[in-house]
Amino acid sequence: MDRGLTRDNGDDLQVYYHDNGQRPVQIDRVISGLGTKSATVQFRLQAHISANTVDDSSYSLVLGAAVSGSAMDNPDKVYARRE
């Protein structure tokens, strides 16, 4: 992810969950390697996705000037068990 797309700290990158036509809800995310070719954005799935299926409508990333408010980034809400 190019560094020019987000702030250096990633505070302007948010993840939203869309539940069957309901208003999108921001969910917590953890960013690693921002500004590199191997950047990752991790978040907890809000609903089960069956094996061998593609879900291209339940989640979205919002970044840069389109962001309103602050990003939710609590690792305890992203990882099931964190050590």
Protein backbone atom coordinates (compact mmCIF):
# COMPACT_ATOMS: atom_id res chain seq x y z
CA MET A 1 0.00 0.00 0.00
CA ASP A 2 1.58 3.24 -1.10
CA ARG A 3 2.39 5.58 1.74
CA GLY A 4 0.88 8.47 -0.21
CA LEU A 5 -2.58 6.89 0.07
CA THR A 6 -2.71 7.10 3.87
CA ARG A 7 -1.15 9.01 6.73
CA ASP A 8 2.18 7.64 7.95
CA ASN A 9 0.50 6.11 11.00
CA GLY A 10 -2.46 4.65 9.07
CA ASP A 11 -5.03 6.47 11.21
CA ASP A 12 -7.00 7.32 8.08
CA LEU A 13 -7.58 3.71 7.02
CA GLN A 14 -10.85 2.22 8.25
CA VAL A 15 -12.53 -1.15 7.68
CA TYR A 16 -16.31 -1.42 7.42
CA TYR A 17 -18.63 -4.42 7.60
CA HIS A 18 -21.82 -4.38 5.53
CA ASP A 19 -24.49 -6.73 6.92
CA ASN A 20 -27.21 -7.60 4.39
CA GLY A 21 -28.09 -4.08 3.34
CA GLN A 22 -27.72 -2.56 6.82
CA ARG A 23 -25.73 0.62 7.34
CA PRO A 24 -21.96 -0.14 7.28
CA VAL A 25 -20.33 -0.48 10.71
CA GLN A 26 -16.68 0.30 11.34
CA ILE A 27 -14.71 -2.63 12.81
CA ASP A 28 -11.29 -2.80 14.44
CA ARG A 29 -8.26 -3.51 12.27
CA VAL A 30 -4.50 -3.97 12.66
CA ILE A 31 -2.11 -2.72 9.97
CA SER A 32 1.38 -4.15 9.40
CA GLY A 33 4.05 -2.98 6.98
CA LEU A 34 2.33 0.24 5.96
CA GLY A 35 4.17 1.88 3.09
CA THR A 36 5.65 -1.41 1.82
CA LYS A 37 4.66 -3.82 -0.93
CA SER A 38 3.76 -6.40 1.71
CA ALA A 39 1.39 -4.28 3.82
CA THR A 40 -1.46 -6.17 5.47
CA VAL A 41 -4.74 -5.10 7.03
CA GLN A 42 -6.13 -7.69 9.44
CA PHE A 43 -9.61 -7.71 10.94
CA ARG A 44 -11.95 -10.24 12.56
CA LEU A 45 -14.63 -11.63 10.28
CA GLN A 46 -18.05 -10.56 11.47
CA ALA A 47 -19.83 -13.53 9.86
CA HIS A 48 -18.81 -16.98 8.65
CA ILE A 49 -17.61 -17.28 5.05
CA SER A 50 -17.95 -20.81 3.71
CA ALA A 51 -14.96 -22.56 2.18
CA ASN A 52 -14.50 -22.15 -1.59
CA THR A 53 -16.66 -19.02 -1.74
CA VAL A 54 -15.90 -15.39 -2.43
CA ASP A 55 -17.48 -12.58 -0.45
CA ASP A 56 -16.80 -9.34 -2.27
CA SER A 57 -19.55 -7.22 -0.75
CA SER A 58 -19.44 -7.57 3.05
CA TYR A 59 -16.25 -5.60 3.78
CA SER A 60 -14.74 -2.37 2.51
CA LEU A 61 -11.67 -0.26 3.15
CA VAL A 62 -12.02 3.51 3.38
CA LEU A 63 -8.87 5.59 3.35
CA GLY A 64 -7.45 9.06 2.97
CA ALA A 65 -9.71 12.08 2.69
CA ALA A 66 -12.85 9.89 2.65
CA VAL A 67 -12.33 8.95 6.31
CA SER A 68 -14.39 10.61 8.99
CA GLY A 69 -13.47 10.20 12.64
CA SER A 70 -10.69 7.98 13.90
CA ALA A 71 -9.89 4.40 12.98
CA MET A 72 -10.69 1.57 15.38
CA ASP A 73 -7.47 -0.36 16.02
CA ASN A 74 -7.83 -2.50 19.16
CA PRO A 75 -5.83 -5.73 18.58
CA ASP A 76 -7.87 -7.50 21.28
CA LYS A 77 -10.93 -7.14 19.04
CA VAL A 78 -9.05 -8.40 15.97
CA TYR A 79 -7.28 -11.51 17.25
CA ALA A 80 -9.12 -14.34 19.00
CA ARG A 81 -6.18 -14.93 21.33
CA ARG A 82 -3.26 -12.56 21.58
CA GLU A 83 -0.05 -13.37 23.43
